């Protein structure tokens, strides 16, 4: 009586082993892709939240009238500075008395930035859409809108 494995048994074991390893590798690769997407989505939410909070705080404390031109808004601060929020090539920018800063990261593309002002007690409505740049077809995208009114009450 011979003890050992036949060639067919060895081939079946190799086939089963390669199927199990292939499935495990696929699950691992998909998990990494999903993790990368979720991290990018979280960074996008943080970036959008920061930009909206920064603009809301500044617009709430503005003095005088707002000047809106398409996708930009300009106003005076209580310190007499002129600030302007506007859409640059791919980023949201702020011009503070001639000094320009990026309000959003270059890792994200701002698709749209729309501003409107309405009412006697001016209410500024900001509509912002941002998407990620790095993940090919699975780019996370967020669109957010908020309305801000000035803290100073104006009686007509």
Protein backbone atom coordinates (compact mmCIF):
# COMPACT_ATOMS: atom_id res chain seq x y z
CA UNK A 1 0.00 0.00 0.00
CA UNK A 2 1.43 3.35 -1.10
CA UNK A 3 1.17 6.30 1.22
CA UNK A 4 1.08 9.75 -0.40
CA UNK A 5 -0.95 12.08 -2.56
CA UNK A 6 -1.83 11.71 -6.18
CA UNK A 7 -1.25 14.47 -8.72
CA UNK A 8 -5.00 15.11 -8.99
CA UNK A 9 -5.30 15.58 -5.22
CA UNK A 10 -2.39 18.04 -5.25
CA UNK A 11 -3.97 20.02 -8.13
CA UNK A 12 -7.33 20.20 -6.33
CA UNK A 13 -5.63 21.46 -3.15
CA UNK A 14 -3.65 24.06 -5.15
CA UNK A 15 -6.84 25.23 -6.89
CA UNK A 16 -8.76 25.57 -3.61
CA UNK A 17 -5.80 27.36 -2.01
CA UNK A 18 -5.52 29.85 -4.91
CA UNK A 19 -9.28 30.56 -4.81
CA UNK A 20 -9.14 31.28 -1.06
CA UNK A 21 -6.06 33.52 -1.42
CA UNK A 22 -7.62 35.36 -4.40
CA UNK A 23 -10.84 36.02 -2.48
CA UNK A 24 -8.94 37.25 0.58
CA UNK A 25 -6.79 39.55 -1.57
CA UNK A 26 -9.87 40.97 -3.30
CA UNK A 27 -11.59 41.66 0.04
CA UNK A 28 -8.42 43.34 1.36
CA UNK A 29 -8.03 45.52 -1.77
CA UNK A 30 -11.69 46.60 -1.65
CA UNK A 31 -11.38 47.40 2.05
CA UNK A 32 -8.36 49.61 1.38
CA UNK A 33 -10.20 51.40 -1.46
CA UNK A 34 -13.24 52.00 0.76
CA UNK A 35 -11.01 53.23 3.59
CA UNK A 36 -9.30 55.71 1.23
CA UNK A 37 -12.69 56.93 -0.02
CA UNK A 38 -14.00 57.38 3.54
CA UNK A 39 -10.90 59.31 4.62
CA UNK A 40 -11.21 61.57 1.58
CA UNK A 41 -14.92 62.07 2.31
CA UNK A 42 -14.15 63.00 5.92
CA UNK A 43 -11.47 65.47 4.83
CA UNK A 44 -13.96 66.94 2.36
CA UNK A 45 -16.57 67.40 5.09
CA UNK A 46 -13.98 68.99 7.39
CA UNK A 47 -12.78 71.31 4.62
CA UNK A 48 -16.31 72.39 3.68
CA UNK A 49 -17.32 72.86 7.30
CA UNK A 50 -14.25 75.01 8.00
CA UNK A 51 -14.85 77.21 4.94
CA UNK A 52 -18.55 77.70 5.71
CA UNK A 53 -17.89 78.46 9.41
CA UNK A 54 -15.13 80.93 8.54
CA UNK A 55 -17.26 82.76 5.96
CA UNK A 56 -20.36 82.73 8.20
CA UNK A 57 -18.45 84.20 11.14
CA UNK A 58 -16.89 86.93 9.00
CA UNK A 59 -20.16 87.82 7.22
CA UNK A 60 -22.07 87.91 10.50
CA UNK A 61 -19.65 90.54 11.84
CA UNK A 62 -19.55 92.66 8.65
CA UNK A 63 -20.15 96.39 8.74
CA UNK A 64 -21.92 98.29 5.99
CA UNK A 65 -23.31 96.81 2.81
CA UNK A 66 -22.38 93.61 1.04
CA UNK A 67 -21.25 93.81 -2.60
CA UNK A 68 -22.08 90.67 -4.58
CA UNK A 69 -20.65 89.99 -8.05
CA UNK A 70 -21.54 86.53 -9.35
CA UNK A 71 -19.52 84.14 -7.25
CA UNK A 72 -17.91 86.68 -4.93
CA UNK A 73 -18.93 88.83 -1.97
CA UNK A 74 -17.12 91.85 -0.62
CA UNK A 75 -17.68 93.72 2.66
CA UNK A 76 -16.07 95.90 5.31
CA UNK A 77 -15.03 94.52 8.69
CA UNK A 78 -15.37 96.36 11.99
CA UNK A 79 -11.63 97.08 11.78
CA UNK A 80 -12.09 98.93 8.47
CA UNK A 81 -10.58 96.20 6.32
CA UNK A 82 -12.09 95.16 3.00
CA UNK A 83 -12.60 91.42 2.72
CA UNK A 84 -13.69 89.49 -0.34
CA UNK A 85 -14.59 85.82 -0.65
CA UNK A 86 -14.46 84.48 -4.21
CA UNK A 87 -13.94 81.42 -6.36
CA UNK A 88 -10.42 81.12 -7.77
CA UNK A 89 -9.44 78.55 -10.39
CA UNK A 90 -10.27 75.49 -8.25
CA UNK A 91 -10.21 76.84 -4.70
CA UNK A 92 -12.19 79.24 -2.57
CA UNK A 93 -10.11 82.33 -1.81
CA UNK A 94 -10.22 85.26 0.58
CA UNK A 95 -8.73 88.66 -0.13
CA UNK A 96 -8.08 90.56 3.10
CA UNK A 97 -7.06 94.11 2.14
CA UNK A 98 -4.96 92.88 -0.79
CA UNK A 99 -3.52 89.77 0.89
CA UNK A 100 -4.93 86.62 -0.75
CA UNK A 101 -5.28 83.27 1.01
CA UNK A 102 -6.73 79.92 -0.05
CA UNK A 103 -9.71 79.06 2.10
CA UNK A 104 -9.88 75.50 0.75
CA UNK A 105 -7.15 72.97 0.08
CA UNK A 106 -5.72 72.20 -3.36
CA UNK A 107 -6.70 68.55 -2.75
CA UNK A 108 -10.29 69.53 -3.49
CA UNK A 109 -11.99 71.25 -6.41
CA UNK A 110 -14.66 73.87 -5.75
CA UNK A 111 -17.24 73.34 -8.50
CA UNK A 112 -19.52 76.21 -7.57
CA UNK A 113 -19.71 79.09 -5.12
CA UNK A 114 -22.85 81.20 -5.30
CA UNK A 115 -23.75 84.09 -3.03
CA UNK A 116 -26.96 86.10 -2.80
CA UNK A 117 -28.12 88.86 -0.45
CA UNK A 118 -31.77 89.54 0.37
CA UNK A 119 -33.94 91.39 2.85
CA UNK A 120 -33.85 94.63 4.83
CA UNK A 121 -31.84 92.96 7.56
CA UNK A 122 -29.41 91.56 4.97
CA UNK A 123 -29.35 87.80 4.84
CA UNK A 124 -26.50 86.26 2.87
CA UNK A 125 -27.13 82.85 1.33
CA UNK A 126 -24.03 80.83 0.46
CA UNK A 127 -24.22 77.77 -1.80
CA UNK A 128 -21.02 75.73 -2.10
CA UNK A 129 -20.17 72.52 -3.97
CA UNK A 130 -16.78 70.82 -3.51
CA UNK A 131 -15.43 67.48 -4.73
CA UNK A 132 -12.27 65.47 -4.18
CA UNK A 133 -9.58 65.29 -6.84
CA UNK A 134 -7.64 62.11 -6.08
CA UNK A 135 -9.77 58.97 -6.46
CA UNK A 136 -10.60 58.76 -10.16
CA UNK A 137 -14.29 58.06 -10.75
CA UNK A 138 -15.14 57.62 -7.05
CA UNK A 139 -14.64 61.27 -6.10
CA UNK A 140 -16.59 62.28 -3.02
CA UNK A 141 -18.70 65.39 -3.55
CA UNK A 142 -20.60 67.60 -1.14
CA UNK A 143 -23.01 70.47 -1.68
CA UNK A 144 -23.96 72.67 1.23
CA UNK A 145 -26.01 75.82 1.64
CA UNK A 146 -26.34 78.17 4.58
CA UNK A 147 -27.86 81.55 5.33
CA UNK A 148 -26.23 84.15 7.53
CA UNK A 149 -27.61 87.41 8.85
CA UNK A 150 -25.63 90.24 10.35
CA UNK A 151 -25.51 90.56 14.14
CA UNK A 152 -26.15 94.28 13.98
CA UNK A 153 -29.87 94.99 13.62
CA UNK A 154 -30.70 97.69 11.08
CA UNK A 155 -34.05 99.46 11.41
CA UNK A 156 -35.19 101.12 8.16
